[in-house]
Amino acid sequence: REAVEATGRRKLIFAGVSLEVCAALPAIAATAAGYDAYVAVDA
């Protein structure tokens, strides 16, 4: 979270393995924290 905050960016593009855990869970949590979360499904 601190590394993300240090970027100063509000739109976060996530990719992860596995999709439903590694990408989805932090993307959902970031959304709840007020960020705009995107997931690149083919990455």
PDB file of all heavy atoms in Angstrom:
ATOM      1  N   ARG A   1       0.835  -1.216   0.000  1.00  0.00           N
ATOM      2  CA  ARG A   1       0.000   0.000   0.000  1.00  0.00           C
ATOM      3  C   ARG A   1       0.859   1.251   0.000  1.00  0.00           C
ATOM      4  O   ARG A   1       0.566   2.219  -0.711  1.00  0.00           O
ATOM      5  CB  ARG A   1      -0.939   0.014   1.204  1.00  0.00           C
ATOM      6  CG  ARG A   1      -2.042  -1.019   1.149  1.00  0.00           C
ATOM      7  CD  ARG A   1      -3.163  -0.697   2.137  1.00  0.00           C
ATOM      8  NE  ARG A   1      -2.649  -0.352   3.447  1.00  0.00           N
ATOM      9  CZ  ARG A   1      -2.306  -1.248   4.379  1.00  0.00           C
ATOM     10  NH1 ARG A   1      -2.422  -2.545   4.124  1.00  0.00           N
ATOM     11  NH2 ARG A   1      -1.856  -0.853   5.558  1.00  0.00           N
ATOM     12  N   GLU A   2       1.919   1.236   0.781  1.00  0.00           N
ATOM     13  CA  GLU A   2       2.803   2.410   0.829  1.00  0.00           C
ATOM     14  C   GLU A   2       3.482   2.635  -0.518  1.00  0.00           C
ATOM     15  O   GLU A   2       3.670   3.792  -0.939  1.00  0.00           O
ATOM     16  CB  GLU A   2       3.843   2.225   1.933  1.00  0.00           C
ATOM     17  CG  GLU A   2       3.242   2.326   3.329  1.00  0.00           C
ATOM     18  CD  GLU A   2       4.177   1.818   4.416  1.00  0.00           C
ATOM     19  OE1 GLU A   2       5.326   1.419   4.079  1.00  0.00           O
ATOM     20  OE2 GLU A   2       3.760   1.803   5.598  1.00  0.00           O
ATOM     21  N   ALA A   3       3.861   1.567  -1.200  1.00  0.00           N
ATOM     22  CA  ALA A   3       4.483   1.707  -2.520  1.00  0.00           C
ATOM     23  C   ALA A   3       3.492   2.294  -3.520  1.00  0.00           C
ATOM     24  O   ALA A   3       3.852   3.132  -4.359  1.00  0.00           O
ATOM     25  CB  ALA A   3       4.988   0.355  -3.014  1.00  0.00           C
ATOM     26  N   VAL A   4       2.244   1.861  -3.446  1.00  0.00           N
ATOM     27  CA  VAL A   4       1.209   2.426  -4.316  1.00  0.00           C
ATOM     28  C   VAL A   4       0.989   3.896  -3.984  1.00  0.00           C
ATOM     29  O   VAL A   4       0.936   4.753  -4.878  1.00  0.00           O
ATOM     30  CB  VAL A   4      -0.105   1.629  -4.187  1.00  0.00           C
ATOM     31  CG1 VAL A   4      -1.248   2.360  -4.888  1.00  0.00           C
ATOM     32  CG2 VAL A   4       0.062   0.224  -4.762  1.00  0.00           C
ATOM     33  N   GLU A   5       0.866   4.193  -2.703  1.00  0.00           N
ATOM     34  CA  GLU A   5       0.647   5.585  -2.288  1.00  0.00           C
ATOM     35  C   GLU A   5       1.796   6.477  -2.739  1.00  0.00           C
ATOM     36  O   GLU A   5       1.588   7.633  -3.129  1.00  0.00           O
ATOM     37  CB  GLU A   5       0.486   5.649  -0.765  1.00  0.00           C
ATOM     38  CG  GLU A   5      -0.809   5.030  -0.261  1.00  0.00           C
ATOM     39  CD  GLU A   5      -0.808   4.815   1.236  1.00  0.00           C
ATOM     40  OE1 GLU A   5       0.203   5.168   1.897  1.00  0.00           O
ATOM     41  OE2 GLU A   5      -1.803   4.267   1.759  1.00  0.00           O
ATOM     42  N   ALA A   6       3.014   5.945  -2.717  1.00  0.00           N
ATOM     43  CA  ALA A   6       4.184   6.734  -3.095  1.00  0.00           C
ATOM     44  C   ALA A   6       4.172   7.126  -4.569  1.00  0.00           C
ATOM     45  O   ALA A   6       4.823   8.100  -4.957  1.00  0.00           O
ATOM     46  CB  ALA A   6       5.465   5.964  -2.773  1.00  0.00           C
ATOM     47  N   THR A   7       3.436   6.388  -5.397  1.00  0.00           N
ATOM     48  CA  THR A   7       3.352   6.754  -6.815  1.00  0.00           C
ATOM     49  C   THR A   7       2.525   8.014  -7.018  1.00  0.00           C
ATOM     50  O   THR A   7       2.662   8.691  -8.043  1.00  0.00           O
ATOM     51  CB  THR A   7       2.732   5.624  -7.652  1.00  0.00           C
ATOM     52  OG1 THR A   7       1.327   5.498  -7.349  1.00  0.00           O
ATOM     53  CG2 THR A   7       3.449   4.305  -7.428  1.00  0.00           C
ATOM     54  N   GLY A   8       1.622   8.302  -6.101  1.00  0.00           N
ATOM     55  CA  GLY A   8       0.728   9.452  -6.248  1.00  0.00           C
ATOM     56  C   GLY A   8      -0.347   9.253  -7.295  1.00  0.00           C
ATOM     57  O   GLY A   8      -1.040  10.212  -7.664  1.00  0.00           O
ATOM     58  N   ARG A   9      -0.526   8.017  -7.754  1.00  0.00           N
ATOM     59  CA  ARG A   9      -1.504   7.737  -8.812  1.00  0.00           C
ATOM     60  C   ARG A   9      -2.784   7.171  -8.208  1.00  0.00           C
ATOM     61  O   ARG A   9      -2.742   6.436  -7.220  1.00  0.00           O
ATOM     62  CB  ARG A   9      -0.927   6.750  -9.840  1.00  0.00           C
ATOM     63  CG  ARG A   9       0.486   7.120 -10.338  1.00  0.00           C
ATOM     64  CD  ARG A   9       0.515   8.479 -11.003  1.00  0.00           C
ATOM     65  NE  ARG A   9       1.831   8.875 -11.447  1.00  0.00           N
ATOM     66  CZ  ARG A   9       2.344   8.602 -12.654  1.00  0.00           C
ATOM     67  NH1 ARG A   9       1.660   7.894 -13.518  1.00  0.00           N
ATOM     68  NH2 ARG A   9       3.538   9.050 -12.980  1.00  0.00           N
ATOM     69  N   ARG A  10      -3.934   7.478  -8.863  1.00  0.00           N
ATOM     70  CA  ARG A  10      -5.231   7.010  -8.362  1.00  0.00           C
ATOM     71  C   ARG A  10      -5.855   5.922  -9.229  1.00  0.00           C
ATOM     72  O   ARG A  10      -6.823   5.284  -8.823  1.00  0.00           O
ATOM     73  CB  ARG A  10      -6.211   8.186  -8.264  1.00  0.00           C
ATOM     74  CG  ARG A  10      -5.762   9.315  -7.369  1.00  0.00           C
ATOM     75  CD  ARG A  10      -5.540   8.878  -5.952  1.00  0.00           C
ATOM     76  NE  ARG A  10      -6.728   8.306  -5.319  1.00  0.00           N
ATOM     77  CZ  ARG A  10      -6.741   7.803  -4.082  1.00  0.00           C
ATOM     78  NH1 ARG A  10      -5.627   7.774  -3.366  1.00  0.00           N
ATOM     79  NH2 ARG A  10      -7.854   7.306  -3.567  1.00  0.00           N
ATOM     80  N   LYS A  11      -5.329   5.724 -10.419  1.00  0.00           N
ATOM     81  CA  LYS A  11      -5.837   4.656 -11.293  1.00  0.00           C
ATOM     82  C   LYS A  11      -4.811   3.525 -11.300  1.00  0.00           C
ATOM     83  O   LYS A  11      -3.675   3.711 -11.739  1.00  0.00           O
ATOM     84  CB  LYS A  11      -6.095   5.182 -12.701  1.00  0.00           C
ATOM     85  CG  LYS A  11      -7.306   6.111 -12.765  1.00  0.00           C
ATOM     86  CD  LYS A  11      -7.672   6.468 -14.192  1.00  0.00           C
ATOM     87  CE  LYS A  11      -8.941   7.289 -14.232  1.00  0.00           C
ATOM     88  NZ  LYS A  11     -10.141   6.512 -13.883  1.00  0.00           N
ATOM     89  N   LEU A  12      -5.210   2.377 -10.799  1.00  0.00           N
ATOM     90  CA  LEU A  12      -4.294   1.262 -10.601  1.00  0.00           C
ATOM     91  C   LEU A  12      -4.649   0.123 -11.553  1.00  0.00           C
ATOM     92  O   LEU A  12      -5.785  -0.365 -11.545  1.00  0.00           O
ATOM     93  CB  LEU A  12      -4.366   0.765  -9.155  1.00  0.00           C
ATOM     94  CG  LEU A  12      -4.144   1.839  -8.071  1.00  0.00           C
ATOM     95  CD1 LEU A  12      -4.228   1.202  -6.688  1.00  0.00           C
ATOM     96  CD2 LEU A  12      -2.816   2.553  -8.263  1.00  0.00           C
ATOM     97  N   ILE A  13      -3.685  -0.280 -12.351  1.00  0.00           N
ATOM     98  CA  ILE A  13      -3.862  -1.367 -13.306  1.00  0.00           C
ATOM     99  C   ILE A  13      -3.218  -2.620 -12.711  1.00  0.00           C
ATOM    100  O   ILE A  13      -1.996  -2.696 -12.578  1.00  0.00           O
ATOM    101  CB  ILE A  13      -3.222  -1.021 -14.656  1.00  0.00           C
ATOM    102  CG1 ILE A  13      -3.846   0.260 -15.226  1.00  0.00           C
ATOM    103  CG2 ILE A  13      -3.378  -2.177 -15.630  1.00  0.00           C
ATOM    104  CD1 ILE A  13      -3.111   0.797 -16.449  1.00  0.00           C
ATOM    105  N   PHE A  14      -4.046  -3.584 -12.349  1.00  0.00           N
ATOM    106  CA  PHE A  14      -3.573  -4.804 -11.703  1.00  0.00           C
ATOM    107  C   PHE A  14      -3.462  -5.943 -12.708  1.00  0.00           C
ATOM    108  O   PHE A  14      -4.227  -6.035 -13.665  1.00  0.00           O
ATOM    109  CB  PHE A  14      -4.544  -5.252 -10.606  1.00  0.00           C
ATOM    110  CG  PHE A  14      -4.560  -4.387  -9.387  1.00  0.00           C
ATOM    111  CD1 PHE A  14      -5.396  -3.274  -9.304  1.00  0.00           C
ATOM    112  CD2 PHE A  14      -3.749  -4.674  -8.299  1.00  0.00           C
ATOM    113  CE1 PHE A  14      -5.432  -2.476  -8.170  1.00  0.00           C
ATOM    114  CE2 PHE A  14      -3.776  -3.881  -7.151  1.00  0.00           C
ATOM    115  CZ  PHE A  14      -4.620  -2.780  -7.096  1.00  0.00           C
ATOM    116  N   ALA A  15      -2.506  -6.827 -12.451  1.00  0.00           N
ATOM    117  CA  ALA A  15      -2.440  -8.122 -13.119  1.00  0.00           C
ATOM    118  C   ALA A  15      -1.840  -9.089 -12.120  1.00  0.00           C
ATOM    119  O   ALA A  15      -0.998  -8.701 -11.306  1.00  0.00           O
ATOM    120  CB  ALA A  15      -1.602  -8.059 -14.384  1.00  0.00           C
ATOM    121  N   GLY A  16      -2.278 -10.351 -12.160  1.00  0.00           N
ATOM    122  CA  GLY A  16      -1.748 -11.285 -11.177  1.00  0.00           C
ATOM    123  C   GLY A  16      -2.067 -12.729 -11.495  1.00  0.00           C
ATOM    124  O   GLY A  16      -2.937 -13.034 -12.302  1.00  0.00           O
ATOM    125  N   VAL A  17      -1.349 -13.595 -10.828  1.00  0.00           N
ATOM    126  CA  VAL A  17      -1.579 -15.039 -10.878  1.00  0.00           C
ATOM    127  C   VAL A  17      -1.755 -15.493  -9.426  1.00  0.00           C
ATOM    128  O   VAL A  17      -0.838 -15.362  -8.615  1.00  0.00           O
ATOM    129  CB  VAL A  17      -0.381 -15.776 -11.501  1.00  0.00           C
ATOM    130  CG1 VAL A  17      -0.676 -17.277 -11.584  1.00  0.00           C
ATOM    131  CG2 VAL A  17      -0.038 -15.223 -12.870  1.00  0.00           C
ATOM    132  N   SER A  18      -2.974 -15.905  -9.061  1.00  0.00           N
ATOM    133  CA  SER A  18      -4.107 -16.184  -9.906  1.00  0.00           C
ATOM    134  C   SER A  18      -5.041 -14.980 -10.030  1.00  0.00           C
ATOM    135  O   SER A  18      -5.075 -14.119  -9.150  1.00  0.00           O
ATOM    136  CB  SER A  18      -4.902 -17.369  -9.344  1.00  0.00           C
ATOM    137  OG  SER A  18      -5.463 -17.026  -8.074  1.00  0.00           O
ATOM    138  N   LEU A  19      -5.804 -14.977 -11.130  1.00  0.00           N
ATOM    139  CA  LEU A  19      -6.699 -13.869 -11.421  1.00  0.00           C
ATOM    140  C   LEU A  19      -7.662 -13.572 -10.287  1.00  0.00           C
ATOM    141  O   LEU A  19      -7.822 -12.419  -9.865  1.00  0.00           O
ATOM    142  CB  LEU A  19      -7.490 -14.187 -12.702  1.00  0.00           C
ATOM    143  CG  LEU A  19      -8.649 -13.235 -13.046  1.00  0.00           C
ATOM    144  CD1 LEU A  19      -8.118 -11.888 -13.473  1.00  0.00           C
ATOM    145  CD2 LEU A  19      -9.539 -13.833 -14.121  1.00  0.00           C
ATOM    146  N   GLU A  20      -8.314 -14.613  -9.770  1.00  0.00           N
ATOM    147  CA  GLU A  20      -9.410 -14.413  -8.809  1.00  0.00           C
ATOM    148  C   GLU A  20      -8.911 -14.103  -7.403  1.00  0.00           C
ATOM    149  O   GLU A  20      -9.691 -13.675  -6.552  1.00  0.00           O
ATOM    150  CB  GLU A  20     -10.343 -15.628  -8.812  1.00  0.00           C
ATOM    151  CG  GLU A  20      -9.869 -16.835  -8.029  1.00  0.00           C
ATOM    152  CD  GLU A  20      -8.732 -17.590  -8.702  1.00  0.00           C
ATOM    153  OE1 GLU A  20      -8.351 -17.269  -9.850  1.00  0.00           O
ATOM    154  OE2 GLU A  20      -8.206 -18.534  -8.061  1.00  0.00           O
ATOM    155  N   VAL A  21      -7.621 -14.301  -7.150  1.00  0.00           N
ATOM    156  CA  VAL A  21      -7.042 -13.981  -5.840  1.00  0.00           C
ATOM    157  C   VAL A  21      -6.019 -12.867  -5.978  1.00  0.00           C
ATOM    158  O   VAL A  21      -6.200 -11.763  -5.466  1.00  0.00           O
ATOM    159  CB  VAL A  21      -6.406 -15.237  -5.192  1.00  0.00           C
ATOM    160  CG1 VAL A  21      -5.697 -14.851  -3.886  1.00  0.00           C
ATOM    161  CG2 VAL A  21      -7.479 -16.282  -4.907  1.00  0.00           C
ATOM    162  N   CYS A  22      -4.934 -13.134  -6.676  1.00  0.00           N
ATOM    163  CA  CYS A  22      -3.811 -12.203  -6.718  1.00  0.00           C
ATOM    164  C   CYS A  22      -4.164 -10.876  -7.389  1.00  0.00           C
ATOM    165  O   CYS A  22      -3.685  -9.816  -6.974  1.00  0.00           O
ATOM    166  CB  CYS A  22      -2.629 -12.838  -7.433  1.00  0.00           C
ATOM    167  SG  CYS A  22      -2.065 -14.364  -6.657  1.00  0.00           S
ATOM    168  N   ALA A  23      -4.979 -10.923  -8.435  1.00  0.00           N
ATOM    169  CA  ALA A  23      -5.405  -9.689  -9.096  1.00  0.00           C
ATOM    170  C   ALA A  23      -6.692  -9.151  -8.489  1.00  0.00           C
ATOM    171  O   ALA A  23      -6.793  -7.960  -8.177  1.00  0.00           O
ATOM    172  CB  ALA A  23      -5.577  -9.925 -10.596  1.00  0.00           C
ATOM    173  N   ALA A  24      -7.688 -10.020  -8.319  1.00  0.00           N
ATOM    174  CA  ALA A  24      -9.017  -9.554  -7.922  1.00  0.00           C
ATOM    175  C   ALA A  24      -9.060  -8.999  -6.496  1.00  0.00           C
ATOM    176  O   ALA A  24      -9.643  -7.928  -6.266  1.00  0.00           O
ATOM    177  CB  ALA A  24     -10.034 -10.683  -8.064  1.00  0.00           C
ATOM    178  N   LEU A  25      -8.463  -9.700  -5.550  1.00  0.00           N
ATOM    179  CA  LEU A  25      -8.608  -9.261  -4.157  1.00  0.00           C
ATOM    180  C   LEU A  25      -7.986  -7.885  -3.904  1.00  0.00           C
ATOM    181  O   LEU A  25      -8.631  -7.025  -3.287  1.00  0.00           O
ATOM    182  CB  LEU A  25      -8.046 -10.318  -3.203  1.00  0.00           C
ATOM    183  CG  LEU A  25      -8.780 -11.671  -3.192  1.00  0.00           C
ATOM    184  CD1 LEU A  25      -8.208 -12.569  -2.091  1.00  0.00           C
ATOM    185  CD2 LEU A  25     -10.286 -11.500  -3.032  1.00  0.00           C
ATOM    186  N   PRO A  26      -6.751  -7.607  -4.343  1.00  0.00           N
ATOM    187  CA  PRO A  26      -6.238  -6.249  -4.127  1.00  0.00           C
ATOM    188  C   PRO A  26      -6.956  -5.206  -4.970  1.00  0.00           C
ATOM    189  O   PRO A  26      -7.089  -4.057  -4.542  1.00  0.00           O
ATOM    190  CB  PRO A  26      -4.760  -6.358  -4.510  1.00  0.00           C
ATOM    191  CG  PRO A  26      -4.658  -7.564  -5.365  1.00  0.00           C
ATOM    192  CD  PRO A  26      -5.715  -8.502  -4.876  1.00  0.00           C
ATOM    193  N   ALA A  27      -7.441  -5.573  -6.148  1.00  0.00           N
ATOM    194  CA  ALA A  27      -8.191  -4.614  -6.963  1.00  0.00           C
ATOM    195  C   ALA A  27      -9.493  -4.229  -6.267  1.00  0.00           C
ATOM    196  O   ALA A  27      -9.877  -3.055  -6.246  1.00  0.00           O
ATOM    197  CB  ALA A  27      -8.479  -5.197  -8.343  1.00  0.00           C
ATOM    198  N   ILE A  28     -10.164  -5.211  -5.681  1.00  0.00           N
ATOM    199  CA  ILE A  28     -11.400  -4.926  -4.941  1.00  0.00           C
ATOM    200  C   ILE A  28     -11.090  -4.086  -3.699  1.00  0.00           C
ATOM    201  O   ILE A  28     -11.800  -3.122  -3.386  1.00  0.00           O
ATOM    202  CB  ILE A  28     -12.102  -6.241  -4.563  1.00  0.00           C
ATOM    203  CG1 ILE A  28     -12.631  -6.939  -5.827  1.00  0.00           C
ATOM    204  CG2 ILE A  28     -13.233  -6.000  -3.578  1.00  0.00           C
ATOM    205  CD1 ILE A  28     -13.083  -8.372  -5.603  1.00  0.00           C
ATOM    206  N   ALA A  29     -10.027  -4.436  -2.994  1.00  0.00           N
ATOM    207  CA  ALA A  29      -9.654  -3.673  -1.798  1.00  0.00           C
ATOM    208  C   ALA A  29      -9.249  -2.250  -2.147  1.00  0.00           C
ATOM    209  O   ALA A  29      -9.579  -1.298  -1.421  1.00  0.00           O
ATOM    210  CB  ALA A  29      -8.510  -4.381  -1.070  1.00  0.00           C
ATOM    211  N   ALA A  30      -8.540  -2.076  -3.250  1.00  0.00           N
ATOM    212  CA  ALA A  30      -8.166  -0.724  -3.687  1.00  0.00           C
ATOM    213  C   ALA A  30      -9.401   0.088  -4.054  1.00  0.00           C
ATOM    214  O   ALA A  30      -9.473   1.288  -3.769  1.00  0.00           O
ATOM    215  CB  ALA A  30      -7.210  -0.809  -4.880  1.00  0.00           C
ATOM    216  N   THR A  31     -10.367  -0.553  -4.682  1.00  0.00           N
ATOM    217  CA  THR A  31     -11.630   0.117  -5.002  1.00  0.00           C
ATOM    218  C   THR A  31     -12.307   0.592  -3.725  1.00  0.00           C
ATOM    219  O   THR A  31     -12.786   1.735  -3.642  1.00  0.00           O
ATOM    220  CB  THR A  31     -12.559  -0.836  -5.780  1.00  0.00           C
ATOM    221  OG1 THR A  31     -11.929  -1.213  -7.008  1.00  0.00           O
ATOM    222  CG2 THR A  31     -13.889  -0.173  -6.090  1.00  0.00           C
ATOM    223  N   ALA A  32     -12.338  -0.268  -2.716  1.00  0.00           N
ATOM    224  CA  ALA A  32     -12.941   0.107  -1.437  1.00  0.00           C
ATOM    225  C   ALA A  32     -12.207   1.261  -0.776  1.00  0.00           C
ATOM    226  O   ALA A  32     -12.797   2.059  -0.044  1.00  0.00           O
ATOM    227  CB  ALA A  32     -12.969  -1.096  -0.500  1.00  0.00           C
ATOM    228  N   ALA A  33     -10.896   1.383  -1.064  1.00  0.00           N
ATOM    229  CA  ALA A  33     -10.083   2.451  -0.486  1.00  0.00           C
ATOM    230  C   ALA A  33     -10.160   3.748  -1.296  1.00  0.00           C
ATOM    231  O   ALA A  33      -9.483   4.722  -0.954  1.00  0.00           O
ATOM    232  CB  ALA A  33      -8.628   1.990  -0.379  1.00  0.00           C
ATOM    233  N   GLY A  34     -10.954   3.745  -2.366  1.00  0.00           N
ATOM    234  CA  GLY A  34     -11.157   4.977  -3.119  1.00  0.00           C
ATOM    235  C   GLY A  34     -10.351   5.100  -4.395  1.00  0.00           C
ATOM    236  O   GLY A  34     -10.420   6.132  -5.075  1.00  0.00           O
ATOM    237  N   TYR A  35      -9.588   4.080  -4.747  1.00  0.00           N
ATOM    238  CA  TYR A  35      -8.849   4.090  -6.006  1.00  0.00           C
ATOM    239  C   TYR A  35      -9.737   3.603  -7.142  1.00  0.00           C
ATOM    240  O   TYR A  35     -10.759   2.938  -6.917  1.00  0.00           O
ATOM    241  CB  TYR A  35      -7.623   3.181  -5.911  1.00  0.00           C
ATOM    242  CG  TYR A  35      -6.530   3.691  -5.009  1.00  0.00           C
ATOM    243  CD1 TYR A  35      -6.574   3.463  -3.637  1.00  0.00           C
ATOM    244  CD2 TYR A  35      -5.443   4.398  -5.519  1.00  0.00           C
ATOM    245  CE1 TYR A  35      -5.567   3.926  -2.792  1.00  0.00           C
ATOM    246  CE2 TYR A  35      -4.425   4.857  -4.691  1.00  0.00           C
ATOM    247  CZ  TYR A  35      -4.500   4.622  -3.330  1.00  0.00           C
ATOM    248  OH  TYR A  35      -3.510   5.071  -2.498  1.00  0.00           O
ATOM    249  N   ASP A  36      -9.339   3.899  -8.365  1.00  0.00           N
ATOM    250  CA  ASP A  36      -9.972   3.326  -9.547  1.00  0.00           C
ATOM    251  C   ASP A  36      -9.139   2.126  -9.962  1.00  0.00           C
ATOM    252  O   ASP A  36      -7.973   2.276 -10.347  1.00  0.00           O
ATOM    253  CB  ASP A  36     -10.017   4.329 -10.698  1.00  0.00           C
ATOM    254  CG  ASP A  36     -10.845   5.563 -10.364  1.00  0.00           C
ATOM    255  OD1 ASP A  36     -11.612   5.519  -9.389  1.00  0.00           O
ATOM    256  OD2 ASP A  36     -10.723   6.562 -11.086  1.00  0.00           O
ATOM    257  N   ALA A  37      -9.716   0.932  -9.870  1.00  0.00           N
ATOM    258  CA  ALA A  37      -8.969  -0.291 -10.124  1.00  0.00           C
ATOM    259  C   ALA A  37      -9.366  -0.917 -11.458  1.00  0.00           C
ATOM    260  O   ALA A  37     -10.552  -1.001 -11.791  1.00  0.00           O
ATOM    261  CB  ALA A  37      -9.198  -1.289  -9.000  1.00  0.00           C
ATOM    262  N   TYR A  38      -8.359  -1.337 -12.194  1.00  0.00           N
ATOM    263  CA  TYR A  38      -8.523  -2.008 -13.474  1.00  0.00           C
ATOM    264  C   TYR A  38      -7.739  -3.316 -13.396  1.00  0.00           C
ATOM    265  O   TYR A  38      -6.715  -3.394 -12.722  1.00  0.00           O
ATOM    266  CB  TYR A  38      -7.956  -1.164 -14.616  1.00  0.00           C
ATOM    267  CG  TYR A  38      -8.581   0.205 -14.745  1.00  0.00           C
ATOM    268  CD1 TYR A  38      -8.258   1.230 -13.853  1.00  0.00           C
ATOM    269  CD2 TYR A  38      -9.496   0.477 -15.755  1.00  0.00           C
ATOM    270  CE1 TYR A  38      -8.832   2.490 -13.957  1.00  0.00           C
ATOM    271  CE2 TYR A  38     -10.068   1.740 -15.879  1.00  0.00           C
ATOM    272  CZ  TYR A  38      -9.739   2.741 -14.973  1.00  0.00           C
ATOM    273  OH  TYR A  38     -10.310   3.973 -15.088  1.00  0.00           O
ATOM    274  N   VAL A  39      -8.189  -4.336 -14.107  1.00  0.00           N
ATOM    275  CA  VAL A  39      -7.440  -5.589 -14.168  1.00  0.00           C
ATOM    276  C   VAL A  39      -7.227  -5.972 -15.627  1.00  0.00           C
ATOM    277  O   VAL A  39      -8.179  -6.029 -16.415  1.00  0.00           O
ATOM    278  CB  VAL A  39      -8.163  -6.723 -13.414  1.00  0.00           C
ATOM    279  CG1 VAL A  39      -7.509  -8.068 -13.719  1.00  0.00           C
ATOM    280  CG2 VAL A  39      -8.117  -6.467 -11.911  1.00  0.00           C
ATOM    281  N   ALA A  40      -5.973  -6.212 -15.969  1.00  0.00           N
ATOM    282  CA  ALA A  40      -5.618  -6.696 -17.298  1.00  0.00           C
ATOM    283  C   ALA A  40      -5.764  -8.215 -17.289  1.00  0.00           C
ATOM    284  O   ALA A  40      -4.899  -8.930 -16.782  1.00  0.00           O
ATOM    285  CB  ALA A  40      -4.192  -6.291 -17.650  1.00  0.00           C
ATOM    286  N   VAL A  41      -6.868  -8.699 -17.849  1.00  0.00           N
ATOM    287  CA  VAL A  41      -7.185 -10.114 -17.684  1.00  0.00           C
ATOM    288  C   VAL A  41      -6.252 -11.018 -18.481  1.00  0.00           C
ATOM    289  O   VAL A  41      -6.057 -12.179 -18.107  1.00  0.00           O
ATOM    290  CB  VAL A  41      -8.658 -10.395 -18.057  1.00  0.00           C
ATOM    291  CG1 VAL A  41      -9.595  -9.661 -17.108  1.00  0.00           C
ATOM    292  CG2 VAL A  41      -8.953 -10.026 -19.491  1.00  0.00           C
ATOM    293  N   ASP A  42      -5.657 -10.503 -19.564  1.00  0.00           N
ATOM    294  CA  ASP A  42      -4.755 -11.357 -20.335  1.00  0.00           C
ATOM    295  C   ASP A  42      -3.306 -11.240 -19.875  1.00  0.00           C
ATOM    296  O   ASP A  42      -2.415 -11.871 -20.453  1.00  0.00           O
ATOM    297  CB  ASP A  42      -4.876 -11.083 -21.832  1.00  0.00           C
ATOM    298  CG  ASP A  42      -4.593  -9.632 -22.197  1.00  0.00           C
ATOM    299  OD1 ASP A  42      -4.481  -8.790 -21.285  1.00  0.00           O
ATOM    300  OD2 ASP A  42      -4.496  -9.337 -23.399  1.00  0.00           O
ATOM    301  N   ALA A  43      -3.063 -10.455 -18.830  1.00  0.00           N
ATOM    302  CA  ALA A  43      -1.771 -10.466 -18.149  1.00  0.00           C
ATOM    303  C   ALA A  43      -1.923 -11.123 -16.778  1.00  0.00           C
ATOM    304  O   ALA A  43      -1.068 -11.009 -15.912  1.00  0.00           O
ATOM    305  CB  ALA A  43      -1.215  -9.053 -18.002  1.00  0.00           C
TER     306      ALA A  43
END
